Amino acid sequence: MHRWILGGRLRATIVWSMAGGIVMVVILAISPVLIAMGTAVVAVLLGWSLDSDAVARHQGSELLETNY
């Protein structure tokens, strides 16, 4: 009976160890995608902000129409 209890605890430990490994693999698989999407969002916001600033600074210039 003692060996069965020890075996049950050992199996539970192995299952929890595997769960931790699976979570780490999922995080490592998803993180590059999240980093790339975050970088894309920052690039869009920065581009929009700089474009708005350029239009405001050079309002009335005939060169603005050639930027599109």
N, C-alpha and C. Protein backbone atom coordinates (compact mmCIF):
# COMPACT_ATOMS: atom_id res chain seq x y z
N MET A 1 0.82 -1.19 0.00
CA MET A 1 0.00 0.00 0.00
C MET A 1 0.87 1.25 0.00
N HIS A 2 1.97 1.23 0.70
CA HIS A 2 2.86 2.38 0.76
C HIS A 2 3.43 2.70 -0.63
N ARG A 3 3.76 1.68 -1.40
CA ARG A 3 4.30 1.90 -2.74
C ARG A 3 3.26 2.51 -3.66
N TRP A 4 1.99 2.18 -3.47
CA TRP A 4 0.93 2.72 -4.31
C TRP A 4 0.75 4.22 -4.05
N ILE A 5 0.79 4.62 -2.77
CA ILE A 5 0.65 6.04 -2.42
C ILE A 5 1.83 6.83 -2.98
N LEU A 6 3.03 6.29 -2.81
CA LEU A 6 4.22 6.96 -3.34
C LEU A 6 4.14 7.06 -4.86
N GLY A 7 3.68 6.00 -5.50
CA GLY A 7 3.53 6.02 -6.95
C GLY A 7 2.50 7.06 -7.38
N GLY A 8 1.42 7.22 -6.65
CA GLY A 8 0.40 8.22 -6.97
C GLY A 8 0.95 9.62 -6.84
N ARG A 9 1.73 9.86 -5.80
CA ARG A 9 2.34 11.19 -5.63
C ARG A 9 3.35 11.46 -6.73
N LEU A 10 4.08 10.44 -7.09
CA LEU A 10 5.08 10.60 -8.15
C LEU A 10 4.39 10.92 -9.47
N ARG A 11 3.29 10.24 -9.76
CA ARG A 11 2.55 10.52 -10.99
C ARG A 11 2.01 11.95 -10.99
N ALA A 12 1.50 12.39 -9.86
CA ALA A 12 0.98 13.76 -9.77
C ALA A 12 2.10 14.77 -10.00
N THR A 13 3.29 14.49 -9.48
CA THR A 13 4.43 15.37 -9.68
C THR A 13 4.82 15.42 -11.15
N ILE A 14 4.81 14.28 -11.81
CA ILE A 14 5.15 14.23 -13.23
C ILE A 14 4.12 15.00 -14.06
N VAL A 15 2.84 14.85 -13.73
CA VAL A 15 1.80 15.55 -14.46
C VAL A 15 1.96 17.06 -14.31
N TRP A 16 2.23 17.55 -13.10
CA TRP A 16 2.42 18.98 -12.89
C TRP A 16 3.68 19.47 -13.57
N SER A 17 4.71 18.65 -13.62
CA SER A 17 5.93 19.03 -14.32
C SER A 17 5.67 19.15 -15.81
N MET A 18 4.90 18.26 -16.36
CA MET A 18 4.56 18.32 -17.77
C MET A 18 3.69 19.54 -18.07
N ALA A 19 2.79 19.87 -17.17
CA ALA A 19 1.93 21.04 -17.37
C ALA A 19 2.77 22.31 -17.43
N GLY A 20 3.76 22.41 -16.57
CA GLY A 20 4.65 23.57 -16.59
C GLY A 20 5.44 23.64 -17.89
N GLY A 21 5.89 22.51 -18.38
CA GLY A 21 6.62 22.48 -19.65
C GLY A 21 5.74 22.87 -20.82
N ILE A 22 4.51 22.40 -20.80
CA ILE A 22 3.57 22.74 -21.88
C ILE A 22 3.27 24.23 -21.86
N VAL A 23 3.08 24.81 -20.68
CA VAL A 23 2.83 26.25 -20.58
C VAL A 23 4.01 27.03 -21.12
N MET A 24 5.22 26.61 -20.81
CA MET A 24 6.41 27.32 -21.30
C MET A 24 6.52 27.23 -22.82
N VAL A 25 6.20 26.08 -23.40
CA VAL A 25 6.25 25.93 -24.85
C VAL A 25 5.22 26.85 -25.51
N VAL A 26 4.02 26.92 -24.95
CA VAL A 26 2.98 27.79 -25.50
C VAL A 26 3.42 29.25 -25.42
N ILE A 27 3.97 29.66 -24.29
CA ILE A 27 4.43 31.04 -24.14
C ILE A 27 5.55 31.34 -25.14
N LEU A 28 6.48 30.43 -25.30
CA LEU A 28 7.57 30.65 -26.25
C LEU A 28 7.09 30.66 -27.70
N ALA A 29 6.01 29.95 -27.99
CA ALA A 29 5.48 29.93 -29.35
C ALA A 29 4.68 31.20 -29.65
N ILE A 30 3.99 31.74 -28.65
CA ILE A 30 3.12 32.89 -28.87
C ILE A 30 3.88 34.22 -28.75
N SER A 31 4.91 34.28 -27.95
CA SER A 31 5.58 35.56 -27.69
C SER A 31 6.14 36.25 -28.93
N PRO A 32 6.73 35.56 -29.92
CA PRO A 32 7.19 36.29 -31.11
C PRO A 32 6.05 36.96 -31.87
N VAL A 33 4.91 36.30 -31.91
CA VAL A 33 3.75 36.87 -32.59
C VAL A 33 3.28 38.12 -31.86
N LEU A 34 3.21 38.05 -30.54
CA LEU A 34 2.76 39.20 -29.76
C LEU A 34 3.75 40.36 -29.87
N ILE A 35 5.03 40.06 -29.88
CA ILE A 35 6.04 41.11 -30.01
C ILE A 35 5.94 41.76 -31.39
N ALA A 36 5.75 40.97 -32.44
CA ALA A 36 5.63 41.52 -33.78
C ALA A 36 4.37 42.38 -33.91
N MET A 37 3.27 41.92 -33.35
CA MET A 37 2.03 42.71 -33.42
C MET A 37 2.16 44.00 -32.62
N GLY A 38 2.80 43.94 -31.47
CA GLY A 38 3.01 45.14 -30.67
C GLY A 38 3.89 46.15 -31.39
N THR A 39 4.93 45.66 -32.06
CA THR A 39 5.80 46.54 -32.82
C THR A 39 5.06 47.18 -33.98
N ALA A 40 4.18 46.41 -34.64
CA ALA A 40 3.39 46.95 -35.74
C ALA A 40 2.46 48.05 -35.25
N VAL A 41 1.85 47.85 -34.09
CA VAL A 41 0.96 48.87 -33.53
C VAL A 41 1.73 50.15 -33.21
N VAL A 42 2.92 50.00 -32.64
CA VAL A 42 3.75 51.17 -32.33
C VAL A 42 4.13 51.89 -33.63
N ALA A 43 4.46 51.14 -34.67
CA ALA A 43 4.83 51.76 -35.94
C ALA A 43 3.67 52.52 -36.56
N VAL A 44 2.47 51.96 -36.48
CA VAL A 44 1.29 52.65 -37.02
C VAL A 44 1.02 53.93 -36.26
N LEU A 45 1.07 53.87 -34.94
CA LEU A 45 0.82 55.07 -34.14
C LEU A 45 1.88 56.14 -34.37
N LEU A 46 3.13 55.73 -34.47
CA LEU A 46 4.20 56.68 -34.72
C LEU A 46 4.07 57.31 -36.10
N GLY A 47 3.76 56.51 -37.10
CA GLY A 47 3.58 57.03 -38.46
C GLY A 47 2.42 58.00 -38.54
N TRP A 48 1.32 57.66 -37.91
CA TRP A 48 0.15 58.54 -37.91
C TRP A 48 0.48 59.86 -37.22
N SER A 49 1.15 59.76 -36.09
CA SER A 49 1.50 60.96 -35.33
C SER A 49 2.45 61.86 -36.12
N LEU A 50 3.47 61.29 -36.73
CA LEU A 50 4.44 62.09 -37.48
C LEU A 50 3.81 62.68 -38.75
N ASP A 51 2.90 61.95 -39.38
CA ASP A 51 2.23 62.47 -40.56
C ASP A 51 1.35 63.66 -40.19
N SER A 52 0.61 63.54 -39.10
CA SER A 52 -0.23 64.65 -38.64
C SER A 52 0.61 65.87 -38.30
N ASP A 53 1.75 65.64 -37.68
CA ASP A 53 2.65 66.74 -37.33
C ASP A 53 3.20 67.42 -38.58
N ALA A 54 3.58 66.63 -39.58
CA ALA A 54 4.13 67.20 -40.82
C ALA A 54 3.07 68.01 -41.55
N VAL A 55 1.85 67.52 -41.60
CA VAL A 55 0.78 68.25 -42.26
C VAL A 55 0.51 69.57 -41.54
N ALA A 56 0.51 69.54 -40.22
CA ALA A 56 0.25 70.76 -39.45
C ALA A 56 1.38 71.77 -39.61
N ARG A 57 2.61 71.33 -39.67
CA ARG A 57 3.75 72.24 -39.78
C ARG A 57 3.84 72.91 -41.16
N HIS A 58 3.46 72.16 -42.18
CA HIS A 58 3.63 72.66 -43.54
C HIS A 58 2.29 72.94 -44.21
N GLN A 59 1.34 73.36 -43.43
CA GLN A 59 0.02 73.66 -43.98
C GLN A 59 0.12 74.84 -44.95
N GLY A 60 -0.50 74.70 -46.12
CA GLY A 60 -0.47 75.75 -47.12
C GLY A 60 0.65 75.62 -48.13
N SER A 61 1.53 74.66 -47.95
CA SER A 61 2.63 74.47 -48.89
C SER A 61 2.13 73.70 -50.12
N GLU A 62 2.63 74.08 -51.30
CA GLU A 62 2.20 73.38 -52.51
C GLU A 62 2.86 72.01 -52.62
N LEU A 63 3.89 71.73 -51.82
CA LEU A 63 4.57 70.44 -51.86
C LEU A 63 3.80 69.34 -51.15
N LEU A 64 2.85 69.71 -50.32
CA LEU A 64 2.08 68.70 -49.59
C LEU A 64 1.30 67.79 -50.54
N GLU A 65 0.84 68.31 -51.65
CA GLU A 65 0.06 67.51 -52.58
C GLU A 65 0.90 66.48 -53.29
N THR A 66 2.21 66.62 -53.32
CA THR A 66 3.07 65.65 -53.98
C THR A 66 3.48 64.52 -53.03
N ASN A 67 3.12 64.59 -51.77
CA ASN A 67 3.51 63.57 -50.80
C ASN A 67 2.62 62.33 -50.84
N TYR A 68 1.55 62.37 -51.58
CA TYR A 68 0.63 61.23 -51.57
C TYR A 68 0.96 60.38 -52.71
